[in-house]
Amino acid sequence: MSGAEVHVYVITISTQHPLEPVVSELQSRGLQVRQVLAALGQVIGEGSEEVAEKLRGLSAVESVDAQQQYRALDDDA
C-alpha cells in the first residue's frame, strides 16, 4: 500500500449476494481482509481511502465505514 495511510473499514454486504465471492472481490480490489462476520454480512479489513472508494462502487456493497475507536476520558480531562 505504497505510502497511503491505511484505515480499518467495516464493509456491509447486500443480502442479495453470496458472501464468499464478494470477499474475494474485495481482496482483488486491494482490501486486506481481517475478519468475515458471516452472520452479520460484514467484512472487516484494512486499506487506503482509495481502496475504500473502489469498494463503494461495487453493487454487492451496501456501505464502507471507517472503524471508529473510542476510549474513556481520564479523570483529569
N, C-alpha and C. Protein backbone atom coordinates (compact mmCIF):
# COMPACT_ATOMS: atom_id res chain seq x y z
N MET A 1 0.83 -1.18 0.00
CA MET A 1 0.00 0.00 0.00
C MET A 1 0.87 1.24 0.00
N SER A 2 1.62 1.38 -0.92
CA SER A 2 2.61 2.40 -1.21
C SER A 2 2.38 3.77 -0.57
N GLY A 3 2.71 3.90 0.70
CA GLY A 3 2.73 5.19 1.35
C GLY A 3 1.37 5.76 1.72
N ALA A 4 0.30 5.21 1.23
CA ALA A 4 -1.03 5.72 1.56
C ALA A 4 -1.38 5.32 3.00
N GLU A 5 -2.09 6.20 3.69
CA GLU A 5 -2.50 5.90 5.06
C GLU A 5 -3.51 4.76 5.04
N VAL A 6 -3.30 3.79 5.91
CA VAL A 6 -4.16 2.61 5.98
C VAL A 6 -5.17 2.78 7.11
N HIS A 7 -6.43 2.46 6.80
CA HIS A 7 -7.51 2.54 7.77
C HIS A 7 -8.16 1.17 7.88
N VAL A 8 -8.87 0.97 8.98
CA VAL A 8 -9.68 -0.24 9.16
C VAL A 8 -11.11 0.12 8.76
N TYR A 9 -11.71 -0.71 7.92
CA TYR A 9 -13.06 -0.48 7.43
C TYR A 9 -13.98 -1.64 7.78
N VAL A 10 -15.24 -1.30 7.99
CA VAL A 10 -16.29 -2.30 8.15
C VAL A 10 -17.14 -2.20 6.88
N ILE A 11 -17.17 -3.28 6.11
CA ILE A 11 -17.90 -3.32 4.85
C ILE A 11 -19.14 -4.18 5.05
N THR A 12 -20.29 -3.62 4.74
CA THR A 12 -21.55 -4.35 4.85
C THR A 12 -21.95 -4.81 3.46
N ILE A 13 -22.23 -6.10 3.34
CA ILE A 13 -22.56 -6.73 2.06
C ILE A 13 -24.07 -6.90 1.94
N SER A 14 -24.59 -6.65 0.76
CA SER A 14 -26.01 -6.83 0.48
C SER A 14 -26.41 -8.29 0.70
N THR A 15 -27.57 -8.51 1.27
CA THR A 15 -28.06 -9.88 1.49
C THR A 15 -28.43 -10.56 0.18
N GLN A 16 -28.47 -9.81 -0.90
CA GLN A 16 -28.80 -10.36 -2.21
C GLN A 16 -27.61 -11.06 -2.87
N HIS A 17 -26.43 -10.96 -2.27
CA HIS A 17 -25.22 -11.53 -2.85
C HIS A 17 -24.60 -12.56 -1.91
N PRO A 18 -24.10 -13.67 -2.45
CA PRO A 18 -23.39 -14.64 -1.61
C PRO A 18 -22.08 -14.02 -1.10
N LEU A 19 -21.77 -14.26 0.14
CA LEU A 19 -20.66 -13.60 0.81
C LEU A 19 -19.28 -13.98 0.25
N GLU A 20 -19.03 -15.26 0.04
CA GLU A 20 -17.68 -15.70 -0.31
C GLU A 20 -17.15 -15.09 -1.61
N PRO A 21 -17.93 -15.06 -2.69
CA PRO A 21 -17.41 -14.41 -3.90
C PRO A 21 -17.18 -12.91 -3.71
N VAL A 22 -18.01 -12.28 -2.88
CA VAL A 22 -17.83 -10.85 -2.63
C VAL A 22 -16.54 -10.60 -1.86
N VAL A 23 -16.24 -11.45 -0.89
CA VAL A 23 -14.99 -11.32 -0.13
C VAL A 23 -13.80 -11.43 -1.07
N SER A 24 -13.85 -12.35 -2.00
CA SER A 24 -12.77 -12.49 -2.99
C SER A 24 -12.64 -11.23 -3.83
N GLU A 25 -13.76 -10.65 -4.21
CA GLU A 25 -13.75 -9.42 -5.00
C GLU A 25 -13.16 -8.26 -4.19
N LEU A 26 -13.50 -8.19 -2.91
CA LEU A 26 -12.94 -7.14 -2.05
C LEU A 26 -11.42 -7.26 -1.99
N GLN A 27 -10.94 -8.49 -1.85
CA GLN A 27 -9.49 -8.73 -1.80
C GLN A 27 -8.83 -8.36 -3.12
N SER A 28 -9.48 -8.67 -4.22
CA SER A 28 -8.89 -8.36 -5.53
C SER A 28 -8.84 -6.85 -5.77
N ARG A 29 -9.69 -6.09 -5.05
CA ARG A 29 -9.68 -4.63 -5.15
C ARG A 29 -8.72 -3.98 -4.17
N GLY A 30 -8.00 -4.80 -3.39
CA GLY A 30 -6.95 -4.28 -2.52
C GLY A 30 -7.23 -4.31 -1.03
N LEU A 31 -8.39 -4.82 -0.62
CA LEU A 31 -8.69 -4.89 0.81
C LEU A 31 -7.93 -6.05 1.44
N GLN A 32 -7.28 -5.78 2.56
CA GLN A 32 -6.63 -6.83 3.34
C GLN A 32 -7.65 -7.28 4.37
N VAL A 33 -8.29 -8.41 4.13
CA VAL A 33 -9.37 -8.88 4.99
C VAL A 33 -8.81 -9.36 6.32
N ARG A 34 -9.37 -8.83 7.41
CA ARG A 34 -9.00 -9.25 8.77
C ARG A 34 -9.98 -10.29 9.29
N GLN A 35 -11.28 -10.04 9.04
CA GLN A 35 -12.30 -10.91 9.63
C GLN A 35 -13.56 -10.85 8.79
N VAL A 36 -14.22 -12.00 8.65
CA VAL A 36 -15.51 -12.09 7.97
C VAL A 36 -16.56 -12.44 9.02
N LEU A 37 -17.55 -11.58 9.15
CA LEU A 37 -18.64 -11.78 10.10
C LEU A 37 -19.86 -12.21 9.29
N ALA A 38 -19.89 -13.49 8.94
CA ALA A 38 -20.91 -14.01 8.02
C ALA A 38 -22.33 -13.78 8.54
N ALA A 39 -22.56 -13.99 9.83
CA ALA A 39 -23.91 -13.84 10.38
C ALA A 39 -24.42 -12.41 10.25
N LEU A 40 -23.50 -11.44 10.22
CA LEU A 40 -23.87 -10.04 10.10
C LEU A 40 -23.78 -9.53 8.67
N GLY A 41 -23.18 -10.33 7.79
CA GLY A 41 -22.98 -9.88 6.42
C GLY A 41 -21.95 -8.76 6.34
N GLN A 42 -20.94 -8.83 7.20
CA GLN A 42 -19.93 -7.78 7.24
C GLN A 42 -18.53 -8.36 7.12
N VAL A 43 -17.65 -7.52 6.59
CA VAL A 43 -16.24 -7.86 6.45
C VAL A 43 -15.45 -6.73 7.08
N ILE A 44 -14.45 -7.07 7.88
CA ILE A 44 -13.56 -6.07 8.47
C ILE A 44 -12.21 -6.23 7.78
N GLY A 45 -11.68 -5.12 7.30
CA GLY A 45 -10.42 -5.18 6.60
C GLY A 45 -9.69 -3.86 6.61
N GLU A 46 -8.47 -3.88 6.09
CA GLU A 46 -7.61 -2.71 6.05
C GLU A 46 -7.37 -2.29 4.61
N GLY A 47 -7.28 -0.98 4.43
CA GLY A 47 -6.96 -0.46 3.11
C GLY A 47 -6.86 1.05 3.15
N SER A 48 -6.45 1.62 2.05
CA SER A 48 -6.36 3.07 1.92
C SER A 48 -7.74 3.63 1.58
N GLU A 49 -7.86 4.93 1.61
CA GLU A 49 -9.12 5.57 1.21
C GLU A 49 -9.41 5.28 -0.26
N GLU A 50 -8.36 5.17 -1.05
CA GLU A 50 -8.51 4.82 -2.47
C GLU A 50 -9.16 3.45 -2.63
N VAL A 51 -8.73 2.50 -1.83
CA VAL A 51 -9.32 1.16 -1.84
C VAL A 51 -10.79 1.25 -1.41
N ALA A 52 -11.07 2.02 -0.36
CA ALA A 52 -12.44 2.16 0.13
C ALA A 52 -13.35 2.72 -0.97
N GLU A 53 -12.86 3.68 -1.73
CA GLU A 53 -13.66 4.25 -2.82
C GLU A 53 -13.96 3.20 -3.89
N LYS A 54 -12.99 2.36 -4.19
CA LYS A 54 -13.23 1.28 -5.16
C LYS A 54 -14.32 0.33 -4.66
N LEU A 55 -14.28 0.03 -3.36
CA LEU A 55 -15.25 -0.90 -2.78
C LEU A 55 -16.65 -0.30 -2.78
N ARG A 56 -16.75 0.99 -2.55
CA ARG A 56 -18.05 1.66 -2.54
C ARG A 56 -18.75 1.57 -3.89
N GLY A 57 -17.99 1.37 -4.94
CA GLY A 57 -18.55 1.28 -6.28
C GLY A 57 -19.09 -0.10 -6.64
N LEU A 58 -18.91 -1.09 -5.79
CA LEU A 58 -19.38 -2.44 -6.08
C LEU A 58 -20.86 -2.58 -5.74
N SER A 59 -21.61 -3.22 -6.63
CA SER A 59 -23.06 -3.36 -6.41
C SER A 59 -23.39 -4.21 -5.19
N ALA A 60 -22.52 -5.13 -4.81
CA ALA A 60 -22.78 -6.01 -3.67
C ALA A 60 -22.52 -5.32 -2.33
N VAL A 61 -21.89 -4.16 -2.35
CA VAL A 61 -21.50 -3.47 -1.12
C VAL A 61 -22.56 -2.43 -0.76
N GLU A 62 -23.13 -2.57 0.43
CA GLU A 62 -24.11 -1.59 0.92
C GLU A 62 -23.44 -0.39 1.55
N SER A 63 -22.35 -0.62 2.30
CA SER A 63 -21.66 0.50 2.92
C SER A 63 -20.21 0.13 3.23
N VAL A 64 -19.39 1.17 3.27
CA VAL A 64 -17.99 1.05 3.67
C VAL A 64 -17.75 2.14 4.71
N ASP A 65 -17.54 1.73 5.95
CA ASP A 65 -17.41 2.69 7.04
C ASP A 65 -16.07 2.52 7.73
N ALA A 66 -15.40 3.64 7.98
CA ALA A 66 -14.16 3.59 8.74
C ALA A 66 -14.48 3.18 10.16
N GLN A 67 -13.69 2.27 10.69
CA GLN A 67 -13.91 1.80 12.06
C GLN A 67 -13.62 2.93 13.03
N GLN A 68 -14.51 3.11 13.98
CA GLN A 68 -14.35 4.14 15.00
C GLN A 68 -13.72 3.53 16.24
N GLN A 69 -12.85 4.29 16.86
CA GLN A 69 -12.25 3.84 18.11
C GLN A 69 -12.64 4.81 19.21
N TYR A 70 -13.07 4.25 20.31
CA TYR A 70 -13.49 5.04 21.45
C TYR A 70 -12.62 4.70 22.64
N ARG A 71 -12.45 5.66 23.50
CA ARG A 71 -11.72 5.40 24.73
C ARG A 71 -12.31 6.26 25.82
N ALA A 72 -12.20 5.82 27.03
CA ALA A 72 -12.70 6.57 28.18
C ALA A 72 -11.78 7.76 28.44
N LEU A 73 -12.39 8.85 28.84
CA LEU A 73 -11.60 10.03 29.21
C LEU A 73 -10.97 9.81 30.57
N ASP A 74 -9.79 10.38 30.73
CA ASP A 74 -9.14 10.34 32.04
C ASP A 74 -9.94 11.22 33.01
N ASP A 75 -9.82 10.94 34.29
CA ASP A 75 -10.50 11.75 35.30
C ASP A 75 -10.01 13.20 35.26
N ASP A 76 -8.79 13.41 34.77
CA ASP A 76 -8.20 14.75 34.73
C ASP A 76 -8.76 15.59 33.57
N ALA A 77 -9.45 14.97 32.65
CA ALA A 77 -9.91 15.68 31.44
C ALA A 77 -11.04 16.63 31.71
